[in-house]
Amino acid sequence: MTQQTREKQKARPQTEAARAGAPQVEATGPEVPETAVTPDAAPGCPPAATPALAQGWCALSALHGRIESHIERALQAQHDLSVREFSVLNVLSEQHDGPGGHLRMNQVADSVVLSQSATTRLVTRLEDRGLLSRYLCPDDRRGIYTNVTPDGLALLVEARPTHDGALCEALQEAAQRPELAPLVTAVQTLAPSQD
Protein backbone atom coordinates (compact mmCIF):
# COMPACT_ATOMS: atom_id res chain seq x y z
CA MET A 1 0.00 0.00 0.00
CA THR A 2 1.43 3.35 -0.96
CA GLN A 3 1.81 6.27 1.41
CA GLN A 4 -0.79 8.24 -0.58
CA THR A 5 -3.39 5.43 -0.27
CA ARG A 6 -2.84 5.20 3.52
CA GLU A 7 -3.39 8.98 3.87
CA LYS A 8 -6.64 8.79 1.88
CA GLN A 9 -7.97 5.97 4.07
CA LYS A 10 -7.08 7.91 7.24
CA ALA A 11 -8.83 11.01 5.92
CA ARG A 12 -12.03 9.21 4.87
CA PRO A 13 -13.46 8.50 8.40
CA GLN A 14 -12.85 12.11 9.40
CA THR A 15 -14.68 13.36 6.31
CA GLU A 16 -17.64 11.04 7.01
CA ALA A 17 -17.72 12.21 10.63
CA ALA A 18 -17.73 15.81 9.47
CA ARG A 19 -20.65 15.09 7.11
CA ALA A 20 -22.57 13.54 10.01
CA GLY A 21 -22.06 16.69 12.07
CA ALA A 22 -19.66 15.16 14.56
CA PRO A 23 -16.73 17.23 15.75
CA GLN A 24 -13.45 16.25 14.10
CA VAL A 25 -10.80 15.06 16.48
CA GLU A 26 -7.27 14.45 15.31
CA ALA A 27 -6.27 10.91 16.30
CA THR A 28 -2.72 11.81 17.30
CA GLY A 29 -3.45 15.29 18.72
CA PRO A 30 -4.36 16.37 22.24
CA GLU A 31 -7.75 15.52 23.67
CA VAL A 32 -10.49 18.12 23.26
CA PRO A 33 -11.75 19.29 26.66
CA GLU A 34 -15.36 18.34 27.38
CA THR A 35 -16.33 21.98 27.91
CA ALA A 36 -15.30 22.87 24.36
CA VAL A 37 -18.30 21.09 22.80
CA THR A 38 -21.74 21.52 24.31
CA PRO A 39 -24.41 18.93 23.48
CA ASP A 40 -27.04 21.62 22.75
CA ALA A 41 -24.91 23.62 20.34
CA ALA A 42 -25.37 23.14 16.63
CA PRO A 43 -22.32 21.82 14.80
CA GLY A 44 -20.02 24.68 13.92
CA CYS A 45 -22.11 27.08 15.99
CA PRO A 46 -20.26 29.07 18.66
CA PRO A 47 -21.74 28.94 22.17
CA ALA A 48 -24.15 31.73 23.04
CA ALA A 49 -22.39 34.75 24.51
CA THR A 50 -25.26 35.29 26.95
CA PRO A 51 -27.02 31.94 27.42
CA ALA A 52 -29.17 33.25 30.28
CA LEU A 53 -30.50 36.05 28.07
CA ALA A 54 -31.29 33.60 25.25
CA GLN A 55 -32.99 31.21 27.70
CA GLY A 56 -35.02 34.09 29.13
CA TRP A 57 -36.15 35.11 25.66
CA CYS A 58 -37.13 31.51 24.84
CA ALA A 59 -39.14 31.30 28.06
CA LEU A 60 -40.89 34.61 27.33
CA SER A 61 -41.69 33.47 23.80
CA ALA A 62 -43.06 30.17 25.12
CA LEU A 63 -45.24 31.98 27.66
CA HIS A 64 -46.62 34.33 25.00
CA GLY A 65 -47.36 31.44 22.64
CA ARG A 66 -49.14 29.41 25.32
CA ILE A 67 -51.29 32.34 26.43
CA GLU A 68 -52.19 33.44 22.91
CA SER A 69 -53.13 29.89 21.84
CA HIS A 70 -55.30 29.39 24.92
CA ILE A 71 -57.13 32.69 24.44
CA GLU A 72 -57.50 32.08 20.69
CA ARG A 73 -59.24 28.72 21.25
CA ALA A 74 -61.65 30.23 23.78
CA LEU A 75 -62.52 33.28 21.65
CA GLN A 76 -62.96 31.24 18.46
CA ALA A 77 -65.15 28.63 20.15
CA GLN A 78 -67.47 31.08 21.91
CA HIS A 79 -67.44 34.29 19.84
CA ASP A 80 -65.95 33.50 16.40
CA LEU A 81 -63.17 36.03 17.09
CA SER A 82 -59.41 35.69 16.81
CA VAL A 83 -57.04 37.19 19.37
CA ARG A 84 -56.00 39.85 16.84
CA GLU A 85 -59.64 40.74 16.05
CA PHE A 86 -60.36 41.08 19.76
CA SER A 87 -57.26 43.27 20.16
CA VAL A 88 -58.32 45.59 17.32
CA LEU A 89 -61.86 45.94 18.72
CA ASN A 90 -60.43 46.57 22.19
CA VAL A 91 -57.91 49.22 21.03
CA LEU A 92 -60.48 51.05 18.89
CA SER A 93 -63.11 50.95 21.64
CA GLU A 94 -60.82 53.13 23.78
CA GLN A 95 -60.89 56.04 21.29
CA HIS A 96 -62.50 59.32 22.34
CA ASP A 97 -63.53 62.59 20.74
CA GLY A 98 -60.86 64.71 22.43
CA PRO A 99 -57.54 65.74 20.86
CA GLY A 100 -55.61 62.67 19.70
CA GLY A 101 -58.55 60.48 20.59
CA HIS A 102 -58.81 58.71 17.23
CA LEU A 103 -56.25 56.37 15.74
CA ARG A 104 -55.09 56.27 12.15
CA MET A 105 -54.47 52.88 10.57
CA ASN A 106 -50.72 53.01 11.20
CA GLN A 107 -51.40 53.70 14.89
CA VAL A 108 -53.79 50.75 15.06
CA ALA A 109 -51.11 48.57 13.42
CA ASP A 110 -48.56 49.64 16.05
CA SER A 111 -51.04 48.98 18.87
CA VAL A 112 -51.75 45.40 17.83
CA VAL A 113 -48.20 44.67 16.59
CA LEU A 114 -49.09 43.88 12.99
CA SER A 115 -47.88 45.24 9.68
CA GLN A 116 -50.01 48.00 8.20
CA SER A 117 -51.17 45.75 5.35
CA ALA A 118 -52.16 42.94 7.75
CA THR A 119 -54.03 45.46 9.91
CA THR A 120 -55.88 46.80 6.86
CA ARG A 121 -56.96 43.25 5.91
CA LEU A 122 -58.05 42.58 9.48
CA VAL A 123 -60.04 45.83 9.68
CA THR A 124 -61.66 45.02 6.31
CA ARG A 125 -62.78 41.60 7.62
CA LEU A 126 -64.26 43.20 10.74
CA GLU A 127 -65.91 45.91 8.64
CA ASP A 128 -67.46 43.23 6.39
CA ARG A 129 -68.93 41.65 9.54
CA GLY A 130 -70.42 45.01 10.57
CA LEU A 131 -68.16 45.32 13.63
CA LEU A 132 -66.14 48.33 12.44
CA SER A 133 -66.71 51.33 10.16
CA ARG A 134 -64.19 53.62 8.47
CA TYR A 135 -64.44 57.31 7.67
CA LEU A 136 -62.20 60.11 6.43
CA CYS A 137 -60.37 62.21 8.98
CA PRO A 138 -62.09 65.66 9.05
CA ASP A 139 -58.74 67.49 9.46
CA ASP A 140 -56.79 65.56 6.82
CA ARG A 141 -58.76 63.96 3.99
CA ARG A 142 -55.89 61.54 3.33
CA GLY A 143 -56.27 60.03 6.80
CA ILE A 144 -58.77 57.28 7.58
CA TYR A 145 -60.20 56.59 11.02
CA THR A 146 -61.89 53.40 12.14
CA ASN A 147 -64.66 53.20 14.74
CA VAL A 148 -66.24 50.25 16.50
CA THR A 149 -69.92 49.92 15.57
CA PRO A 150 -72.63 49.22 18.17
CA ASP A 151 -72.54 45.54 17.10
CA GLY A 152 -68.75 45.54 17.54
CA LEU A 153 -69.05 47.04 21.02
CA ALA A 154 -71.70 44.48 21.97
CA LEU A 155 -69.48 41.62 20.80
CA LEU A 156 -66.48 43.09 22.64
CA VAL A 157 -68.48 43.36 25.89
CA GLU A 158 -69.67 39.77 25.42
CA ALA A 159 -66.17 38.45 24.61
CA ARG A 160 -64.19 40.31 27.29
CA PRO A 161 -65.02 37.87 30.15
CA THR A 162 -64.03 34.95 27.89
CA HIS A 163 -60.74 36.68 27.02
CA ASP A 164 -59.95 37.58 30.63
CA GLY A 165 -60.92 34.14 31.93
CA ALA A 166 -58.77 32.37 29.33
CA LEU A 167 -55.88 34.70 30.18
CA CYS A 168 -56.12 33.82 33.88
CA GLU A 169 -56.35 30.09 33.09
CA ALA A 170 -53.31 30.25 30.80
CA LEU A 171 -51.28 32.11 33.43
CA GLN A 172 -52.26 29.61 36.14
CA GLU A 173 -51.20 26.70 33.92
CA ALA A 174 -47.93 28.41 33.00
CA ALA A 175 -47.17 29.14 36.67
CA GLN A 176 -46.94 25.36 37.24
CA ARG A 177 -43.87 25.19 34.97
CA PRO A 178 -40.70 26.22 36.85
CA GLU A 179 -39.13 27.90 33.81
CA LEU A 180 -42.24 30.07 33.25
CA ALA A 181 -43.28 30.80 36.85
CA PRO A 182 -41.02 33.88 37.28
CA LEU A 183 -42.42 35.39 34.08
CA VAL A 184 -46.00 34.78 35.24
CA THR A 185 -45.17 36.61 38.47
CA ALA A 186 -43.70 39.50 36.45
CA VAL A 187 -46.83 39.72 34.28
CA GLN A 188 -49.07 39.71 37.35
CA THR A 189 -47.08 42.51 38.99
CA LEU A 190 -47.51 44.67 35.87
CA ALA A 191 -51.28 44.74 36.36
CA PRO A 192 -52.43 47.98 38.02
CA SER A 193 -53.74 47.58 41.56
CA GLN A 194 -57.52 47.59 41.97
CA ASP A 195 -57.53 50.04 44.93
C-alpha atoms as a PDB file:
ATOM      1  CA  MET A   1       0.000   0.000   0.000  1.00  0.00           C
ATOM      2  CA  THR A   2       1.427   3.351  -0.957  1.00  0.00           C
ATOM      3  CA  GLN A   3       1.810   6.270   1.408  1.00  0.00           C
ATOM      4  CA  GLN A   4      -0.790   8.240  -0.578  1.00  0.00           C
ATOM      5  CA  THR A   5      -3.391   5.426  -0.271  1.00  0.00           C
ATOM      6  CA  ARG A   6      -2.843   5.199   3.523  1.00  0.00           C
ATOM      7  CA  GLU A   7      -3.386   8.977   3.868  1.00  0.00           C
ATOM      8  CA  LYS A   8      -6.641   8.789   1.879  1.00  0.00           C
ATOM      9  CA  GLN A   9      -7.972   5.973   4.070  1.00  0.00           C
ATOM     10  CA  LYS A  10      -7.080   7.914   7.240  1.00  0.00           C
ATOM     11  CA  ALA A  11      -8.826  11.015   5.924  1.00  0.00           C
ATOM     12  CA  ARG A  12     -12.031   9.212   4.872  1.00  0.00           C
ATOM     13  CA  PRO A  13     -13.460   8.497   8.397  1.00  0.00           C
ATOM     14  CA  GLN A  14     -12.850  12.109   9.403  1.00  0.00           C
ATOM     15  CA  THR A  15     -14.678  13.361   6.310  1.00  0.00           C
ATOM     16  CA  GLU A  16     -17.636  11.035   7.014  1.00  0.00           C
ATOM     17  CA  ALA A  17     -17.718  12.213  10.635  1.00  0.00           C
ATOM     18  CA  ALA A  18     -17.727  15.808   9.467  1.00  0.00           C
ATOM     19  CA  ARG A  19     -20.647  15.088   7.113  1.00  0.00           C
ATOM     20  CA  ALA A  20     -22.571  13.542  10.012  1.00  0.00           C
ATOM     21  CA  GLY A  21     -22.063  16.692  12.068  1.00  0.00           C
ATOM     22  CA  ALA A  22     -19.657  15.158  14.563  1.00  0.00           C
ATOM     23  CA  PRO A  23     -16.731  17.234  15.753  1.00  0.00           C
ATOM     24  CA  GLN A  24     -13.453  16.253  14.104  1.00  0.00           C
ATOM     25  CA  VAL A  25     -10.800  15.063  16.483  1.00  0.00           C
ATOM     26  CA  GLU A  26      -7.273  14.447  15.307  1.00  0.00           C
ATOM     27  CA  ALA A  27      -6.272  10.907  16.301  1.00  0.00           C
ATOM     28  CA  THR A  28      -2.722  11.812  17.299  1.00  0.00           C
ATOM     29  CA  GLY A  29      -3.448  15.289  18.717  1.00  0.00           C
ATOM     30  CA  PRO A  30      -4.359  16.366  22.237  1.00  0.00           C
ATOM     31  CA  GLU A  31      -7.755  15.517  23.672  1.00  0.00           C
ATOM     32  CA  VAL A  32     -10.489  18.118  23.263  1.00  0.00           C
ATOM     33  CA  PRO A  33     -11.746  19.285  26.661  1.00  0.00           C
ATOM     34  CA  GLU A  34     -15.358  18.335  27.382  1.00  0.00           C
ATOM     35  CA  THR A  35     -16.325  21.981  27.909  1.00  0.00           C
ATOM     36  CA  ALA A  36     -15.304  22.870  24.359  1.00  0.00           C
ATOM     37  CA  VAL A  37     -18.299  21.092  22.804  1.00  0.00           C
ATOM     38  CA  THR A  38     -21.742  21.517  24.308  1.00  0.00           C
ATOM     39  CA  PRO A  39     -24.410  18.925  23.475  1.00  0.00           C
ATOM     40  CA  ASP A  40     -27.039  21.619  22.753  1.00  0.00           C
ATOM     41  CA  ALA A  41     -24.914  23.620  20.345  1.00  0.00           C
ATOM     42  CA  ALA A  42     -25.370  23.137  16.630  1.00  0.00           C
ATOM     43  CA  PRO A  43     -22.317  21.822  14.795  1.00  0.00           C
ATOM     44  CA  GLY A  44     -20.018  24.682  13.925  1.00  0.00           C
ATOM     45  CA  CYS A  45     -22.114  27.084  15.989  1.00  0.00           C
ATOM     46  CA  PRO A  46     -20.263  29.066  18.662  1.00  0.00           C
ATOM     47  CA  PRO A  47     -21.743  28.936  22.166  1.00  0.00           C
ATOM     48  CA  ALA A  48     -24.147  31.734  23.042  1.00  0.00           C
ATOM     49  CA  ALA A  49     -22.392  34.754  24.510  1.00  0.00           C
ATOM     50  CA  THR A  50     -25.264  35.286  26.955  1.00  0.00           C
ATOM     51  CA  PRO A  51     -27.015  31.945  27.419  1.00  0.00           C
ATOM     52  CA  ALA A  52     -29.170  33.251  30.283  1.00  0.00           C
ATOM     53  CA  LEU A  53     -30.502  36.049  28.067  1.00  0.00           C
ATOM     54  CA  ALA A  54     -31.287  33.600  25.254  1.00  0.00           C
ATOM     55  CA  GLN A  55     -32.991  31.215  27.697  1.00  0.00           C
ATOM     56  CA  GLY A  56     -35.020  34.091  29.134  1.00  0.00           C
ATOM     57  CA  TRP A  57     -36.152  35.113  25.659  1.00  0.00           C
ATOM     58  CA  CYS A  58     -37.128  31.506  24.842  1.00  0.00           C
ATOM     59  CA  ALA A  59     -39.141  31.301  28.064  1.00  0.00           C
ATOM     60  CA  LEU A  60     -40.889  34.610  27.334  1.00  0.00           C
ATOM     61  CA  SER A  61     -41.689  33.471  23.797  1.00  0.00           C
ATOM     62  CA  ALA A  62     -43.062  30.166  25.120  1.00  0.00           C
ATOM     63  CA  LEU A  63     -45.244  31.978  27.663  1.00  0.00           C
ATOM     64  CA  HIS A  64     -46.615  34.335  24.999  1.00  0.00           C
ATOM     65  CA  GLY A  65     -47.358  31.442  22.636  1.00  0.00           C
ATOM     66  CA  ARG A  66     -49.144  29.406  25.319  1.00  0.00           C
ATOM     67  CA  ILE A  67     -51.288  32.339  26.428  1.00  0.00           C
ATOM     68  CA  GLU A  68     -52.189  33.442  22.915  1.00  0.00           C
ATOM     69  CA  SER A  69     -53.128  29.890  21.838  1.00  0.00           C
ATOM     70  CA  HIS A  70     -55.301  29.389  24.922  1.00  0.00           C
ATOM     71  CA  ILE A  71     -57.132  32.693  24.438  1.00  0.00           C
ATOM     72  CA  GLU A  72     -57.496  32.078  20.686  1.00  0.00           C
ATOM     73  CA  ARG A  73     -59.239  28.719  21.249  1.00  0.00           C
ATOM     74  CA  ALA A  74     -61.652  30.229  23.784  1.00  0.00           C
ATOM     75  CA  LEU A  75     -62.525  33.280  21.654  1.00  0.00           C
ATOM     76  CA  GLN A  76     -62.956  31.239  18.464  1.00  0.00           C
ATOM     77  CA  ALA A  77     -65.152  28.634  20.151  1.00  0.00           C
ATOM     78  CA  GLN A  78     -67.474  31.078  21.907  1.00  0.00           C
ATOM     79  CA  HIS A  79     -67.441  34.288  19.837  1.00  0.00           C
ATOM     80  CA  ASP A  80     -65.952  33.502  16.398  1.00  0.00           C
ATOM     81  CA  LEU A  81     -63.171  36.027  17.093  1.00  0.00           C
ATOM     82  CA  SER A  82     -59.412  35.695  16.813  1.00  0.00           C
ATOM     83  CA  VAL A  83     -57.042  37.187  19.374  1.00  0.00           C
ATOM     84  CA  ARG A  84     -56.000  39.846  16.838  1.00  0.00           C
ATOM     85  CA  GLU A  85     -59.635  40.739  16.053  1.00  0.00           C
ATOM     86  CA  PHE A  86     -60.364  41.082  19.757  1.00  0.00           C
ATOM     87  CA  SER A  87     -57.264  43.275  20.161  1.00  0.00           C
ATOM     88  CA  VAL A  88     -58.320  45.591  17.324  1.00  0.00           C
ATOM     89  CA  LEU A  89     -61.858  45.940  18.722  1.00  0.00           C
ATOM     90  CA  ASN A  90     -60.427  46.574  22.188  1.00  0.00           C
ATOM     91  CA  VAL A  91     -57.911  49.218  21.028  1.00  0.00           C
ATOM     92  CA  LEU A  92     -60.477  51.046  18.894  1.00  0.00           C
ATOM     93  CA  SER A  93     -63.111  50.952  21.645  1.00  0.00           C
ATOM     94  CA  GLU A  94     -60.823  53.130  23.776  1.00  0.00           C
ATOM     95  CA  GLN A  95     -60.895  56.039  21.291  1.00  0.00           C
ATOM     96  CA  HIS A  96     -62.502  59.322  22.344  1.00  0.00           C
ATOM     97  CA  ASP A  97     -63.526  62.587  20.736  1.00  0.00           C
ATOM     98  CA  GLY A  98     -60.860  64.706  22.432  1.00  0.00           C
ATOM     99  CA  PRO A  99     -57.539  65.742  20.861  1.00  0.00           C
ATOM    100  CA  GLY A 100     -55.606  62.673  19.701  1.00  0.00           C
ATOM    101  CA  GLY A 101     -58.546  60.483  20.586  1.00  0.00           C
ATOM    102  CA  HIS A 102     -58.812  58.712  17.233  1.00  0.00           C
ATOM    103  CA  LEU A 103     -56.247  56.374  15.737  1.00  0.00           C
ATOM    104  CA  ARG A 104     -55.091  56.266  12.148  1.00  0.00           C
ATOM    105  CA  MET A 105     -54.471  52.879  10.566  1.00  0.00           C
ATOM    106  CA  ASN A 106     -50.716  53.008  11.202  1.00  0.00           C
ATOM    107  CA  GLN A 107     -51.396  53.696  14.894  1.00  0.00           C
ATOM    108  CA  VAL A 108     -53.789  50.749  15.062  1.00  0.00           C
ATOM    109  CA  ALA A 109     -51.108  48.565  13.421  1.00  0.00           C
ATOM    110  CA  ASP A 110     -48.563  49.642  16.053  1.00  0.00           C
ATOM    111  CA  SER A 111     -51.036  48.983  18.868  1.00  0.00           C
ATOM    112  CA  VAL A 112     -51.753  45.399  17.833  1.00  0.00           C
ATOM    113  CA  VAL A 113     -48.202  44.669  16.585  1.00  0.00           C
ATOM    114  CA  LEU A 114     -49.086  43.880  12.985  1.00  0.00           C
ATOM    115  CA  SER A 115     -47.880  45.241   9.679  1.00  0.00           C
ATOM    116  CA  GLN A 116     -50.012  48.004   8.197  1.00  0.00           C
ATOM    117  CA  SER A 117     -51.173  45.748   5.346  1.00  0.00           C
ATOM    118  CA  ALA A 118     -52.157  42.937   7.753  1.00  0.00           C
ATOM    119  CA  THR A 119     -54.029  45.457   9.905  1.00  0.00           C
ATOM    120  CA  THR A 120     -55.882  46.803   6.856  1.00  0.00           C
ATOM    121  CA  ARG A 121     -56.957  43.252   5.907  1.00  0.00           C
ATOM    122  CA  LEU A 122     -58.052  42.585   9.482  1.00  0.00           C
ATOM    123  CA  VAL A 123     -60.037  45.831   9.676  1.00  0.00           C
ATOM    124  CA  THR A 124     -61.661  45.023   6.310  1.00  0.00           C
ATOM    125  CA  ARG A 125     -62.783  41.604   7.617  1.00  0.00           C
ATOM    126  CA  LEU A 126     -64.261  43.196  10.737  1.00  0.00           C
ATOM    127  CA  GLU A 127     -65.912  45.910   8.641  1.00  0.00           C
ATOM    128  CA  ASP A 128     -67.460  43.225   6.390  1.00  0.00           C
ATOM    129  CA  ARG A 129     -68.931  41.654   9.540  1.00  0.00           C
ATOM    130  CA  GLY A 130     -70.423  45.013  10.569  1.00  0.00           C
ATOM    131  CA  LEU A 131     -68.163  45.318  13.633  1.00  0.00           C
ATOM    132  CA  LEU A 132     -66.140  48.333  12.437  1.00  0.00           C
ATOM    133  CA  SER A 133     -66.707  51.325  10.163  1.00  0.00           C
ATOM    134  CA  ARG A 134     -64.188  53.621   8.470  1.00  0.00           C
ATOM    135  CA  TYR A 135     -64.440  57.311   7.667  1.00  0.00           C
ATOM    136  CA  LEU A 136     -62.198  60.105   6.426  1.00  0.00           C
ATOM    137  CA  CYS A 137     -60.366  62.213   8.977  1.00  0.00           C
ATOM    138  CA  PRO A 138     -62.093  65.656   9.053  1.00  0.00           C
ATOM    139  CA  ASP A 139     -58.737  67.489   9.462  1.00  0.00           C
ATOM    140  CA  ASP A 140     -56.792  65.565   6.824  1.00  0.00           C
ATOM    141  CA  ARG A 141     -58.756  63.965   3.988  1.00  0.00           C
ATOM    142  CA  ARG A 142     -55.886  61.541   3.330  1.00  0.00           C
ATOM    143  CA  GLY A 143     -56.268  60.025   6.797  1.00  0.00           C
ATOM    144  CA  ILE A 144     -58.771  57.281   7.582  1.00  0.00           C
ATOM    145  CA  TYR A 145     -60.203  56.589  11.019  1.00  0.00           C
ATOM    146  CA  THR A 146     -61.892  53.403  12.144  1.00  0.00           C
ATOM    147  CA  ASN A 147     -64.656  53.196  14.738  1.00  0.00           C
ATOM    148  CA  VAL A 148     -66.236  50.252  16.500  1.00  0.00           C
ATOM    149  CA  THR A 149     -69.917  49.921  15.568  1.00  0.00           C
ATOM    150  CA  PRO A 150     -72.626  49.224  18.169  1.00  0.00           C
ATOM    151  CA  ASP A 151     -72.543  45.541  17.099  1.00  0.00           C
ATOM    152  CA  GLY A 152     -68.752  45.545  17.538  1.00  0.00           C
ATOM    153  CA  LEU A 153     -69.051  47.042  21.025  1.00  0.00           C
ATOM    154  CA  ALA A 154     -71.701  44.483  21.970  1.00  0.00           C
ATOM    155  CA  LEU A 155     -69.477  41.623  20.802  1.00  0.00           C
ATOM    156  CA  LEU A 156     -66.483  43.089  22.643  1.00  0.00           C
ATOM    157  CA  VAL A 157     -68.475  43.360  25.891  1.00  0.00           C
ATOM    158  CA  GLU A 158     -69.671  39.774  25.418  1.00  0.00           C
ATOM    159  CA  ALA A 159     -66.167  38.449  24.612  1.00  0.00           C
ATOM    160  CA  ARG A 160     -64.190  40.306  27.287  1.00  0.00           C
ATOM    161  CA  PRO A 161     -65.016  37.872  30.154  1.00  0.00           C
ATOM    162  CA  THR A 162     -64.026  34.954  27.890  1.00  0.00           C
ATOM    163  CA  HIS A 163     -60.744  36.684  27.022  1.00  0.00           C
ATOM    164  CA  ASP A 164     -59.947  37.580  30.625  1.00  0.00           C
ATOM    165  CA  GLY A 165     -60.921  34.139  31.931  1.00  0.00           C
ATOM    166  CA  ALA A 166     -58.773  32.368  29.331  1.00  0.00           C
ATOM    167  CA  LEU A 167     -55.878  34.696  30.178  1.00  0.00           C
ATOM    168  CA  CYS A 168     -56.121  33.821  33.880  1.00  0.00           C
ATOM    169  CA  GLU A 169     -56.346  30.087  33.091  1.00  0.00           C
ATOM    170  CA  ALA A 170     -53.314  30.247  30.804  1.00  0.00           C
ATOM    171  CA  LEU A 171     -51.280  32.113  33.428  1.00  0.00           C
ATOM    172  CA  GLN A 172     -52.258  29.607  36.139  1.00  0.00           C
ATOM    173  CA  GLU A 173     -51.199  26.698  33.916  1.00  0.00           C
ATOM    174  CA  ALA A 174     -47.925  28.406  32.995  1.00  0.00           C
ATOM    175  CA  ALA A 175     -47.167  29.135  36.666  1.00  0.00           C
ATOM    176  CA  GLN A 176     -46.943  25.361  37.236  1.00  0.00           C
ATOM    177  CA  ARG A 177     -43.875  25.189  34.969  1.00  0.00           C
ATOM    178  CA  PRO A 178     -40.703  26.216  36.846  1.00  0.00           C
ATOM    179  CA  GLU A 179     -39.134  27.895  33.806  1.00  0.00           C
ATOM    180  CA  LEU A 180     -42.245  30.066  33.252  1.00  0.00           C
ATOM    181  CA  ALA A 181     -43.279  30.802  36.853  1.00  0.00           C
ATOM    182  CA  PRO A 182     -41.017  33.885  37.283  1.00  0.00           C
ATOM    183  CA  LEU A 183     -42.424  35.393  34.081  1.00  0.00           C
ATOM    184  CA  VAL A 184     -45.996  34.778  35.235  1.00  0.00           C
ATOM    185  CA  THR A 185     -45.168  36.615  38.473  1.00  0.00           C
ATOM    186  CA  ALA A 186     -43.699  39.497  36.454  1.00  0.00           C
ATOM    187  CA  VAL A 187     -46.835  39.721  34.281  1.00  0.00           C
ATOM    188  CA  GLN A 188     -49.069  39.714  37.353  1.00  0.00           C
ATOM    189  CA  THR A 189     -47.081  42.513  38.992  1.00  0.00           C
ATOM    190  CA  LEU A 190     -47.507  44.667  35.865  1.00  0.00           C
ATOM    191  CA  ALA A 191     -51.283  44.736  36.362  1.00  0.00           C
ATOM    192  CA  PRO A 192     -52.425  47.983  38.021  1.00  0.00           C
ATOM    193  CA  SER A 193     -53.736  47.577  41.560  1.00  0.00           C
ATOM    194  CA  GLN A 194     -57.524  47.594  41.974  1.00  0.00           C
ATOM    195  CA  ASP A 195     -57.533  50.043  44.934  1.00  0.00           C
END
